Amino acid sequence: MGLTKSEIFTEEQNKLALVAKAFGHPARIAILQHLFKLNSCVCGDLVNEIGLAQPTISQHLKELKNLGIIKGDISGTSVCYCINQEEWQNIKHMFSQFLDQELIDDGTCC
């Protein structure tokens, strides 16, 4: 598989694609849904809640944190995670703009 040549796309196109990729795994969706449901920081119960191994959960959390969708605070020997509300608003705005585009039907398409 070739490189994506991300430099030929806008910053917004690249960001939208990265977030869409993060949303492309059901475990990440489940993690985000759980964090929204609790509306607080979660430390250790994601393994029990999601049903995946700790290293797998940690990898998904790392991906979400690298994109800024979630934040993590060290609390003793564990890291507590929550939704980054500011970044979530940015993502909602970005996807709304993308999904609200209107197609003008001029009859030239099949």
Protein backbone atom coordinates (compact mmCIF):
# COMPACT_ATOMS: atom_id res chain seq x y z
CA MET A 1 0.00 0.00 0.00
CA GLY A 2 1.39 3.40 -0.98
CA LEU A 3 1.89 6.55 1.01
CA THR A 4 -1.05 8.94 1.28
CA LYS A 5 0.86 12.07 0.24
CA SER A 6 -0.91 13.99 2.99
CA GLU A 7 1.03 17.14 2.14
CA ILE A 8 -1.11 17.68 -0.98
CA PHE A 9 -4.27 17.95 1.14
CA THR A 10 -5.41 20.76 3.40
CA GLU A 11 -4.87 20.65 7.13
CA GLU A 12 -8.63 20.28 7.60
CA GLN A 13 -8.83 17.35 5.14
CA ASN A 14 -5.99 15.58 6.94
CA LYS A 15 -7.54 16.18 10.37
CA LEU A 16 -10.96 15.00 9.21
CA ALA A 17 -9.40 11.82 7.80
CA LEU A 18 -7.44 11.13 11.01
CA VAL A 19 -10.52 11.54 13.19
CA ALA A 20 -12.60 9.41 10.81
CA LYS A 21 -9.90 6.73 11.03
CA ALA A 22 -10.04 6.87 14.83
CA PHE A 23 -13.83 6.51 14.67
CA GLY A 24 -13.35 3.55 12.32
CA HIS A 25 -12.71 1.06 15.13
CA PRO A 26 -15.64 -0.15 17.25
CA ALA A 27 -13.49 -0.37 20.39
CA ARG A 28 -12.71 3.35 20.17
CA ILE A 29 -16.38 4.15 19.65
CA ALA A 30 -17.22 2.03 22.71
CA ILE A 31 -14.56 3.80 24.77
CA LEU A 32 -15.87 7.23 23.77
CA GLN A 33 -19.48 6.21 24.45
CA HIS A 34 -18.49 4.96 27.90
CA LEU A 35 -16.63 8.20 28.69
CA PHE A 36 -19.64 10.26 27.57
CA LYS A 37 -22.03 8.11 29.58
CA LEU A 38 -20.05 8.60 32.79
CA ASN A 39 -19.27 12.26 32.12
CA SER A 40 -16.25 11.97 34.40
CA CYS A 41 -12.74 10.60 34.42
CA VAL A 42 -12.34 6.85 34.09
CA CYS A 43 -9.30 5.09 35.46
CA GLY A 44 -9.47 1.33 35.49
CA ASP A 45 -12.90 0.03 34.58
CA LEU A 46 -12.55 0.31 30.80
CA VAL A 47 -11.13 -3.22 30.57
CA ASN A 48 -14.19 -4.65 32.33
CA GLU A 49 -16.60 -2.38 30.47
CA ILE A 50 -15.24 -2.93 26.95
CA GLY A 51 -14.13 -6.55 27.39
CA LEU A 52 -10.73 -6.28 25.73
CA ALA A 53 -7.27 -6.90 27.18
CA GLN A 54 -5.52 -4.06 29.01
CA PRO A 55 -2.79 -3.63 26.34
CA THR A 56 -5.46 -3.38 23.62
CA ILE A 57 -7.45 -0.79 25.58
CA SER A 58 -4.24 1.14 26.25
CA GLN A 59 -3.42 1.23 22.53
CA HIS A 60 -6.88 2.57 21.66
CA LEU A 61 -6.65 5.17 24.44
CA LYS A 62 -3.26 6.24 23.10
CA GLU A 63 -4.73 6.77 19.62
CA LEU A 64 -7.62 8.84 20.98
CA LYS A 65 -5.29 10.84 23.22
CA ASN A 66 -2.82 11.52 20.39
CA LEU A 67 -5.67 13.08 18.40
CA GLY A 68 -6.70 15.15 21.42
CA ILE A 69 -10.18 13.62 21.62
CA ILE A 70 -9.55 12.51 25.19
CA LYS A 71 -7.35 13.81 27.99
CA GLY A 72 -5.49 11.77 30.57
CA ASP A 73 -4.35 12.70 34.05
CA ILE A 74 -1.99 10.61 36.14
CA SER A 75 -3.56 9.66 39.44
CA GLY A 76 -1.23 7.55 41.55
CA THR A 77 -0.31 4.48 39.52
CA SER A 78 -3.12 4.84 36.98
CA VAL A 79 -4.14 7.31 34.30
CA CYS A 80 -7.67 8.70 34.35
CA TYR A 81 -9.29 9.61 31.03
CA CYS A 82 -12.10 11.94 30.03
CA ILE A 83 -13.42 13.62 26.88
CA ASN A 84 -11.52 16.76 25.87
CA GLN A 85 -14.60 18.95 25.57
CA GLU A 86 -12.90 21.74 23.61
CA GLU A 87 -11.51 19.33 21.01
CA TRP A 88 -14.85 17.49 20.86
CA GLN A 89 -16.57 20.76 19.95
CA ASN A 90 -13.95 21.35 17.22
CA ILE A 91 -14.53 17.85 15.83
CA LYS A 92 -18.31 18.30 15.88
CA HIS A 93 -17.97 21.59 14.01
CA MET A 94 -15.57 20.12 11.46
CA PHE A 95 -17.82 17.11 10.74
CA SER A 96 -20.95 19.28 10.65
CA GLN A 97 -19.41 21.51 8.00
CA PHE A 98 -18.35 18.48 5.98
CA LEU A 99 -21.67 16.62 6.29
CA ASP A 100 -23.85 19.70 5.74
CA GLN A 101 -22.52 20.24 2.22
CA GLU A 102 -25.36 20.37 -0.28
CA LEU A 103 -25.19 18.69 -3.64
CA ILE A 104 -26.68 20.77 -6.40
CA ASP A 105 -28.48 18.42 -8.76
CA ASP A 106 -28.03 19.89 -12.20
CA GLY A 107 -29.03 16.66 -13.95
CA THR A 108 -25.54 15.93 -15.33
CA CYS A 109 -24.74 12.99 -13.07
CA CYS A 110 -25.92 9.44 -13.72
